[in-house]
Amino acid sequence: MRPAESKALQRQRIMTAMACEGPIATSEARERLGIMHPAGRVAELRRMGYAIKTVWRYVADAEGVLHRQGVYALEGAHHEN
């Protein structure tokens, strides 16, 4: 991926995931979509006019330590997941 395209492609991937699959967690965006700073891409999308809500949850890592992470969803989108 070329650096000039990086953020735009990441925004596109996270938008596609939310639109097609529903809410996406920070860890999922990092691991599955290759977006290392999901909150930054979501902030950029919001500045572009997209209505994205954040719900907070706690998830345990491999060591059992709880971490607070955001789960992002398009406002008004309904999914069966």
PDB file of N, CA and C in Angstrom:
ATOM      1  N   MET A   1       0.854  -1.172   0.000  1.00  0.00           N
ATOM      2  CA  MET A   1       0.000   0.000   0.000  1.00  0.00           C
ATOM      3  C   MET A   1       0.898   1.232   0.000  1.00  0.00           C
ATOM      4  N   ARG A   2       0.652   2.153  -0.883  1.00  0.00           N
ATOM      5  CA  ARG A   2       1.432   3.393  -0.939  1.00  0.00           C
ATOM      6  C   ARG A   2       0.979   4.327   0.170  1.00  0.00           C
ATOM      7  N   PRO A   3       1.919   5.041   0.821  1.00  0.00           N
ATOM      8  CA  PRO A   3       1.565   5.914   1.941  1.00  0.00           C
ATOM      9  C   PRO A   3       0.474   6.935   1.626  1.00  0.00           C
ATOM     10  N   ALA A   4       0.470   7.506   0.444  1.00  0.00           N
ATOM     11  CA  ALA A   4      -0.543   8.521   0.103  1.00  0.00           C
ATOM     12  C   ALA A   4      -1.947   7.922   0.067  1.00  0.00           C
ATOM     13  N   GLU A   5      -2.052   6.643  -0.208  1.00  0.00           N
ATOM     14  CA  GLU A   5      -3.354   5.973  -0.281  1.00  0.00           C
ATOM     15  C   GLU A   5      -3.774   5.361   1.050  1.00  0.00           C
ATOM     16  N   SER A   6      -2.846   5.206   1.955  1.00  0.00           N
ATOM     17  CA  SER A   6      -3.050   4.435   3.161  1.00  0.00           C
ATOM     18  C   SER A   6      -4.296   4.825   3.952  1.00  0.00           C
ATOM     19  N   LYS A   7      -4.412   6.077   4.362  1.00  0.00           N
ATOM     20  CA  LYS A   7      -5.551   6.489   5.177  1.00  0.00           C
ATOM     21  C   LYS A   7      -6.861   6.383   4.403  1.00  0.00           C
ATOM     22  N   ALA A   8      -6.854   6.761   3.143  1.00  0.00           N
ATOM     23  CA  ALA A   8      -8.075   6.683   2.331  1.00  0.00           C
ATOM     24  C   ALA A   8      -8.534   5.238   2.183  1.00  0.00           C
ATOM     25  N   LEU A   9      -7.609   4.325   1.953  1.00  0.00           N
ATOM     26  CA  LEU A   9      -7.975   2.917   1.820  1.00  0.00           C
ATOM     27  C   LEU A   9      -8.458   2.347   3.142  1.00  0.00           C
ATOM     28  N   GLN A  10      -7.844   2.773   4.246  1.00  0.00           N
ATOM     29  CA  GLN A  10      -8.294   2.313   5.551  1.00  0.00           C
ATOM     30  C   GLN A  10      -9.697   2.824   5.853  1.00  0.00           C
ATOM     31  N   ARG A  11      -9.965   4.080   5.521  1.00  0.00           N
ATOM     32  CA  ARG A  11     -11.324   4.620   5.718  1.00  0.00           C
ATOM     33  C   ARG A  11     -12.323   3.829   4.885  1.00  0.00           C
ATOM     34  N   GLN A  12     -11.955   3.512   3.665  1.00  0.00           N
ATOM     35  CA  GLN A  12     -12.842   2.744   2.796  1.00  0.00           C
ATOM     36  C   GLN A  12     -13.104   1.357   3.375  1.00  0.00           C
ATOM     37  N   ARG A  13     -12.071   0.701   3.888  1.00  0.00           N
ATOM     38  CA  ARG A  13     -12.238  -0.642   4.461  1.00  0.00           C
ATOM     39  C   ARG A  13     -13.144  -0.626   5.682  1.00  0.00           C
ATOM     40  N   ILE A  14     -12.952   0.350   6.565  1.00  0.00           N
ATOM     41  CA  ILE A  14     -13.783   0.376   7.775  1.00  0.00           C
ATOM     42  C   ILE A  14     -15.229   0.736   7.435  1.00  0.00           C
ATOM     43  N   MET A  15     -15.430   1.630   6.469  1.00  0.00           N
ATOM     44  CA  MET A  15     -16.796   1.977   6.043  1.00  0.00           C
ATOM     45  C   MET A  15     -17.482   0.767   5.423  1.00  0.00           C
ATOM     46  N   THR A  16     -16.789   0.054   4.575  1.00  0.00           N
ATOM     47  CA  THR A  16     -17.355  -1.134   3.933  1.00  0.00           C
ATOM     48  C   THR A  16     -17.721  -2.177   4.980  1.00  0.00           C
ATOM     49  N   ALA A  17     -16.841  -2.392   5.947  1.00  0.00           N
ATOM     50  CA  ALA A  17     -17.113  -3.371   6.996  1.00  0.00           C
ATOM     51  C   ALA A  17     -18.347  -2.985   7.803  1.00  0.00           C
ATOM     52  N   MET A  18     -18.442  -1.715   8.205  1.00  0.00           N
ATOM     53  CA  MET A  18     -19.604  -1.281   8.990  1.00  0.00           C
ATOM     54  C   MET A  18     -20.882  -1.361   8.174  1.00  0.00           C
ATOM     55  N   ALA A  19     -20.819  -0.986   6.909  1.00  0.00           N
ATOM     56  CA  ALA A  19     -22.011  -0.985   6.058  1.00  0.00           C
ATOM     57  C   ALA A  19     -22.486  -2.406   5.742  1.00  0.00           C
ATOM     58  N   CYS A  20     -21.549  -3.315   5.528  1.00  0.00           N
ATOM     59  CA  CYS A  20     -21.917  -4.675   5.111  1.00  0.00           C
ATOM     60  C   CYS A  20     -22.090  -5.647   6.265  1.00  0.00           C
ATOM     61  N   GLU A  21     -21.308  -5.453   7.332  1.00  0.00           N
ATOM     62  CA  GLU A  21     -21.270  -6.439   8.412  1.00  0.00           C
ATOM     63  C   GLU A  21     -21.805  -5.919   9.742  1.00  0.00           C
ATOM     64  N   GLY A  22     -21.949  -4.619   9.876  1.00  0.00           N
ATOM     65  CA  GLY A  22     -22.411  -4.049  11.135  1.00  0.00           C
ATOM     66  C   GLY A  22     -21.274  -3.515  11.974  1.00  0.00           C
ATOM     67  N   PRO A  23     -21.509  -3.345  13.277  1.00  0.00           N
ATOM     68  CA  PRO A  23     -20.515  -2.742  14.163  1.00  0.00           C
ATOM     69  C   PRO A  23     -19.183  -3.476  14.127  1.00  0.00           C
ATOM     70  N   ILE A  24     -18.117  -2.710  14.289  1.00  0.00           N
ATOM     71  CA  ILE A  24     -16.775  -3.295  14.278  1.00  0.00           C
ATOM     72  C   ILE A  24     -15.986  -2.751  15.455  1.00  0.00           C
ATOM     73  N   ALA A  25     -15.346  -3.646  16.191  1.00  0.00           N
ATOM     74  CA  ALA A  25     -14.554  -3.284  17.362  1.00  0.00           C
ATOM     75  C   ALA A  25     -13.156  -2.842  16.944  1.00  0.00           C
ATOM     76  N   THR A  26     -12.534  -2.056  17.805  1.00  0.00           N
ATOM     77  CA  THR A  26     -11.177  -1.581  17.564  1.00  0.00           C
ATOM     78  C   THR A  26     -10.229  -2.735  17.261  1.00  0.00           C
ATOM     79  N   SER A  27     -10.259  -3.771  18.098  1.00  0.00           N
ATOM     80  CA  SER A  27      -9.344  -4.908  17.908  1.00  0.00           C
ATOM     81  C   SER A  27      -9.608  -5.617  16.587  1.00  0.00           C
ATOM     82  N   GLU A  28     -10.866  -5.740  16.200  1.00  0.00           N
ATOM     83  CA  GLU A  28     -11.207  -6.382  14.932  1.00  0.00           C
ATOM     84  C   GLU A  28     -10.712  -5.555  13.749  1.00  0.00           C
ATOM     85  N   ALA A  29     -10.865  -4.238  13.838  1.00  0.00           N
ATOM     86  CA  ALA A  29     -10.385  -3.370  12.759  1.00  0.00           C
ATOM     87  C   ALA A  29      -8.873  -3.501  12.600  1.00  0.00           C
ATOM     88  N   ARG A  30      -8.173  -3.635  13.714  1.00  0.00           N
ATOM     89  CA  ARG A  30      -6.712  -3.796  13.651  1.00  0.00           C
ATOM     90  C   ARG A  30      -6.332  -5.152  13.071  1.00  0.00           C
ATOM     91  N   GLU A  31      -6.904  -6.204  13.627  1.00  0.00           N
ATOM     92  CA  GLU A  31      -6.502  -7.556  13.261  1.00  0.00           C
ATOM     93  C   GLU A  31      -6.995  -7.986  11.889  1.00  0.00           C
ATOM     94  N   ARG A  32      -8.257  -7.742  11.599  1.00  0.00           N
ATOM     95  CA  ARG A  32      -8.860  -8.238  10.358  1.00  0.00           C
ATOM     96  C   ARG A  32      -8.729  -7.277   9.187  1.00  0.00           C
ATOM     97  N   LEU A  33      -8.804  -5.972   9.488  1.00  0.00           N
ATOM     98  CA  LEU A  33      -8.777  -4.994   8.398  1.00  0.00           C
ATOM     99  C   LEU A  33      -7.422  -4.322   8.217  1.00  0.00           C
ATOM    100  N   GLY A  34      -6.507  -4.546   9.152  1.00  0.00           N
ATOM    101  CA  GLY A  34      -5.175  -3.947   9.044  1.00  0.00           C
ATOM    102  C   GLY A  34      -5.153  -2.452   9.304  1.00  0.00           C
ATOM    103  N   ILE A  35      -6.071  -1.967  10.123  1.00  0.00           N
ATOM    104  CA  ILE A  35      -6.153  -0.543  10.443  1.00  0.00           C
ATOM    105  C   ILE A  35      -5.562  -0.370  11.841  1.00  0.00           C
ATOM    106  N   MET A  36      -4.366   0.192  11.923  1.00  0.00           N
ATOM    107  CA  MET A  36      -3.667   0.276  13.192  1.00  0.00           C
ATOM    108  C   MET A  36      -4.208   1.358  14.115  1.00  0.00           C
ATOM    109  N   HIS A  37      -4.878   2.366  13.565  1.00  0.00           N
ATOM    110  CA  HIS A  37      -5.444   3.440  14.391  1.00  0.00           C
ATOM    111  C   HIS A  37      -6.902   3.667  13.981  1.00  0.00           C
ATOM    112  N   PRO A  38      -7.787   2.708  14.332  1.00  0.00           N
ATOM    113  CA  PRO A  38      -9.186   2.821  13.930  1.00  0.00           C
ATOM    114  C   PRO A  38      -9.854   4.110  14.400  1.00  0.00           C
ATOM    115  N   ALA A  39      -9.550   4.556  15.622  1.00  0.00           N
ATOM    116  CA  ALA A  39     -10.179   5.782  16.145  1.00  0.00           C
ATOM    117  C   ALA A  39      -9.843   6.985  15.259  1.00  0.00           C
ATOM    118  N   GLY A  40      -8.641   7.027  14.754  1.00  0.00           N
ATOM    119  CA  GLY A  40      -8.248   8.120  13.861  1.00  0.00           C
ATOM    120  C   GLY A  40      -9.013   8.101  12.554  1.00  0.00           C
ATOM    121  N   ARG A  41      -9.179   6.915  11.982  1.00  0.00           N
ATOM    122  CA  ARG A  41      -9.923   6.811  10.724  1.00  0.00           C
ATOM    123  C   ARG A  41     -11.389   7.147  10.942  1.00  0.00           C
ATOM    124  N   VAL A  42     -11.954   6.720  12.079  1.00  0.00           N
ATOM    125  CA  VAL A  42     -13.349   7.042  12.385  1.00  0.00           C
ATOM    126  C   VAL A  42     -13.506   8.544  12.571  1.00  0.00           C
ATOM    127  N   ALA A  43     -12.561   9.178  13.248  1.00  0.00           N
ATOM    128  CA  ALA A  43     -12.616  10.637  13.431  1.00  0.00           C
ATOM    129  C   ALA A  43     -12.587  11.346  12.081  1.00  0.00           C
ATOM    130  N   GLU A  44     -11.758  10.865  11.168  1.00  0.00           N
ATOM    131  CA  GLU A  44     -11.698  11.456   9.825  1.00  0.00           C
ATOM    132  C   GLU A  44     -13.032  11.284   9.102  1.00  0.00           C
ATOM    133  N   LEU A  45     -13.623  10.104   9.216  1.00  0.00           N
ATOM    134  CA  LEU A  45     -14.918   9.855   8.574  1.00  0.00           C
ATOM    135  C   LEU A  45     -15.999  10.767   9.156  1.00  0.00           C
ATOM    136  N   ARG A  46     -15.965  10.976  10.461  1.00  0.00           N
ATOM    137  CA  ARG A  46     -16.937  11.891  11.078  1.00  0.00           C
ATOM    138  C   ARG A  46     -16.764  13.310  10.547  1.00  0.00           C
ATOM    139  N   ARG A  47     -15.510  13.744  10.412  1.00  0.00           N
ATOM    140  CA  ARG A  47     -15.258  15.086   9.857  1.00  0.00           C
ATOM    141  C   ARG A  47     -15.745  15.192   8.407  1.00  0.00           C
ATOM    142  N   MET A  48     -15.794  14.062   7.726  1.00  0.00           N
ATOM    143  CA  MET A  48     -16.285  14.030   6.349  1.00  0.00           C
ATOM    144  C   MET A  48     -17.811  13.986   6.299  1.00  0.00           C
ATOM    145  N   GLY A  49     -18.460  13.899   7.476  1.00  0.00           N
ATOM    146  CA  GLY A  49     -19.917  13.949   7.530  1.00  0.00           C
ATOM    147  C   GLY A  49     -20.628  12.647   7.823  1.00  0.00           C
ATOM    148  N   TYR A  50     -19.893  11.553   8.026  1.00  0.00           N
ATOM    149  CA  TYR A  50     -20.533  10.277   8.328  1.00  0.00           C
ATOM    150  C   TYR A  50     -20.954  10.241   9.792  1.00  0.00           C
ATOM    151  N   ALA A  51     -22.149   9.729  10.055  1.00  0.00           N
ATOM    152  CA  ALA A  51     -22.655   9.595  11.419  1.00  0.00           C
ATOM    153  C   ALA A  51     -22.265   8.216  11.943  1.00  0.00           C
ATOM    154  N   ILE A  52     -21.265   8.193  12.813  1.00  0.00           N
ATOM    155  CA  ILE A  52     -20.753   6.945  13.370  1.00  0.00           C
ATOM    156  C   ILE A  52     -20.819   7.052  14.885  1.00  0.00           C
ATOM    157  N   LYS A  53     -21.440   6.065  15.505  1.00  0.00           N
ATOM    158  CA  LYS A  53     -21.523   6.076  16.967  1.00  0.00           C
ATOM    159  C   LYS A  53     -20.474   5.123  17.536  1.00  0.00           C
ATOM    160  N   THR A  54     -20.073   5.405  18.766  1.00  0.00           N
ATOM    161  CA  THR A  54     -19.114   4.574  19.480  1.00  0.00           C
ATOM    162  C   THR A  54     -19.768   4.060  20.755  1.00  0.00           C
ATOM    163  N   VAL A  55     -19.672   2.760  20.961  1.00  0.00           N
ATOM    164  CA  VAL A  55     -20.105   2.128  22.200  1.00  0.00           C
ATOM    165  C   VAL A  55     -18.837   1.528  22.811  1.00  0.00           C
ATOM    166  N   TRP A  56     -18.677   1.694  24.127  1.00  0.00           N
ATOM    167  CA  TRP A  56     -17.477   1.195  24.791  1.00  0.00           C
ATOM    168  C   TRP A  56     -17.734  -0.155  25.433  1.00  0.00           C
ATOM    169  N   ARG A  57     -16.726  -1.033  25.357  1.00  0.00           N
ATOM    170  CA  ARG A  57     -16.806  -2.339  26.007  1.00  0.00           C
ATOM    171  C   ARG A  57     -15.421  -2.715  26.523  1.00  0.00           C
ATOM    172  N   TYR A  58     -15.386  -3.670  27.430  1.00  0.00           N
ATOM    173  CA  TYR A  58     -14.118  -4.182  27.966  1.00  0.00           C
ATOM    174  C   TYR A  58     -13.884  -5.576  27.415  1.00  0.00           C
ATOM    175  N   VAL A  59     -12.662  -5.800  26.922  1.00  0.00           N
ATOM    176  CA  VAL A  59     -12.295  -7.079  26.325  1.00  0.00           C
ATOM    177  C   VAL A  59     -10.986  -7.538  26.949  1.00  0.00           C
ATOM    178  N   ALA A  60     -10.912  -8.813  27.320  1.00  0.00           N
ATOM    179  CA  ALA A  60      -9.692  -9.363  27.905  1.00  0.00           C
ATOM    180  C   ALA A  60      -8.694  -9.731  26.811  1.00  0.00           C
ATOM    181  N   ASP A  61      -7.426  -9.417  27.066  1.00  0.00           N
ATOM    182  CA  ASP A  61      -6.376  -9.821  26.131  1.00  0.00           C
ATOM    183  C   ASP A  61      -5.929 -11.248  26.461  1.00  0.00           C
ATOM    184  N   ALA A  62      -4.884 -11.736  25.805  1.00  0.00           N
ATOM    185  CA  ALA A  62      -4.416 -13.110  25.992  1.00  0.00           C
ATOM    186  C   ALA A  62      -3.966 -13.379  27.431  1.00  0.00           C
ATOM    187  N   GLU A  63      -3.572 -12.329  28.146  1.00  0.00           N
ATOM    188  CA  GLU A  63      -3.132 -12.465  29.535  1.00  0.00           C
ATOM    189  C   GLU A  63      -4.275 -12.291  30.532  1.00  0.00           C
ATOM    190  N   GLY A  64      -5.479 -12.026  30.037  1.00  0.00           N
ATOM    191  CA  GLY A  64      -6.627 -11.845  30.908  1.00  0.00           C
ATOM    192  C   GLY A  64      -6.813 -10.420  31.412  1.00  0.00           C
ATOM    193  N   VAL A  65      -6.001  -9.486  30.903  1.00  0.00           N
ATOM    194  CA  VAL A  65      -6.107  -8.086  31.306  1.00  0.00           C
ATOM    195  C   VAL A  65      -7.221  -7.424  30.497  1.00  0.00           C
ATOM    196  N   LEU A  66      -8.120  -6.729  31.192  1.00  0.00           N
ATOM    197  CA  LEU A  66      -9.223  -6.051  30.512  1.00  0.00           C
ATOM    198  C   LEU A  66      -8.766  -4.733  29.907  1.00  0.00           C
ATOM    199  N   HIS A  67      -9.201  -4.492  28.698  1.00  0.00           N
ATOM    200  CA  HIS A  67      -8.910  -3.251  27.987  1.00  0.00           C
ATOM    201  C   HIS A  67     -10.217  -2.661  27.466  1.00  0.00           C
ATOM    202  N   ARG A  68     -10.363  -1.353  27.633  1.00  0.00           N
ATOM    203  CA  ARG A  68     -11.542  -0.663  27.107  1.00  0.00           C
ATOM    204  C   ARG A  68     -11.318  -0.393  25.625  1.00  0.00           C
ATOM    205  N   GLN A  69     -12.300  -0.743  24.818  1.00  0.00           N
ATOM    206  CA  GLN A  69     -12.177  -0.478  23.383  1.00  0.00           C
ATOM    207  C   GLN A  69     -13.508  -0.022  22.811  1.00  0.00           C
ATOM    208  N   GLY A  70     -13.407   0.747  21.758  1.00  0.00           N
ATOM    209  CA  GLY A  70     -14.600   1.226  21.086  1.00  0.00           C
ATOM    210  C   GLY A  70     -15.124   0.220  20.081  1.00  0.00           C
ATOM    211  N   VAL A  71     -16.442   0.238  19.942  1.00  0.00           N
ATOM    212  CA  VAL A  71     -17.111  -0.529  18.889  1.00  0.00           C
ATOM    213  C   VAL A  71     -17.839   0.512  18.051  1.00  0.00           C
ATOM    214  N   TYR A  72     -17.519   0.574  16.775  1.00  0.00           N
ATOM    215  CA  TYR A  72     -18.023   1.608  15.879  1.00  0.00           C
ATOM    216  C   TYR A  72     -19.146   1.080  15.002  1.00  0.00           C
ATOM    217  N   ALA A  73     -20.175   1.914  14.828  1.00  0.00           N
ATOM    218  CA  ALA A  73     -21.314   1.529  13.991  1.00  0.00           C
ATOM    219  C   ALA A  73     -21.855   2.754  13.276  1.00  0.00           C
ATOM    220  N   LEU A  74     -22.336   2.547  12.068  1.00  0.00           N
ATOM    221  CA  LEU A  74     -22.997   3.625  11.336  1.00  0.00           C
ATOM    222  C   LEU A  74     -24.329   3.915  12.009  1.00  0.00           C
ATOM    223  N   GLU A  75     -24.620   5.167  12.254  1.00  0.00           N
ATOM    224  CA  GLU A  75     -25.901   5.561  12.869  1.00  0.00           C
ATOM    225  C   GLU A  75     -27.038   5.148  11.943  1.00  0.00           C
ATOM    226  N   GLY A  76     -28.060   4.556  12.528  1.00  0.00           N
ATOM    227  CA  GLY A  76     -29.255   4.197  11.769  1.00  0.00           C
ATOM    228  C   GLY A  76     -29.127   2.895  10.991  1.00  0.00           C
ATOM    229  N   ALA A  77     -27.954   2.255  11.017  1.00  0.00           N
ATOM    230  CA  ALA A  77     -27.788   0.993  10.304  1.00  0.00           C
ATOM    231  C   ALA A  77     -28.297  -0.152  11.161  1.00  0.00           C
ATOM    232  N   HIS A  78     -29.005  -1.088  10.569  1.00  0.00           N
ATOM    233  CA  HIS A  78     -29.541  -2.242  11.281  1.00  0.00           C
ATOM    234  C   HIS A  78     -29.003  -3.506  10.648  1.00  0.00           C
ATOM    235  N   HIS A  79     -28.445  -4.381  11.474  1.00  0.00           N
ATOM    236  CA  HIS A  79     -27.862  -5.629  10.984  1.00  0.00           C
ATOM    237  C   HIS A  79     -28.327  -6.774  11.846  1.00  0.00           C
ATOM    238  N   GLU A  80     -28.337  -7.964  11.275  1.00  0.00           N
ATOM    239  CA  GLU A  80     -28.777  -9.162  11.967  1.00  0.00           C
ATOM    240  C   GLU A  80     -27.652  -9.861  12.710  1.00  0.00           C
ATOM    241  N   ASN A  81     -26.426  -9.332  12.684  1.00  0.00           N
ATOM    242  CA  ASN A  81     -25.259 -10.010  13.285  1.00  0.00           C
ATOM    243  C   ASN A  81     -25.402 -10.141  14.765  1.00  0.00           C
TER     244      ASN A  81
END
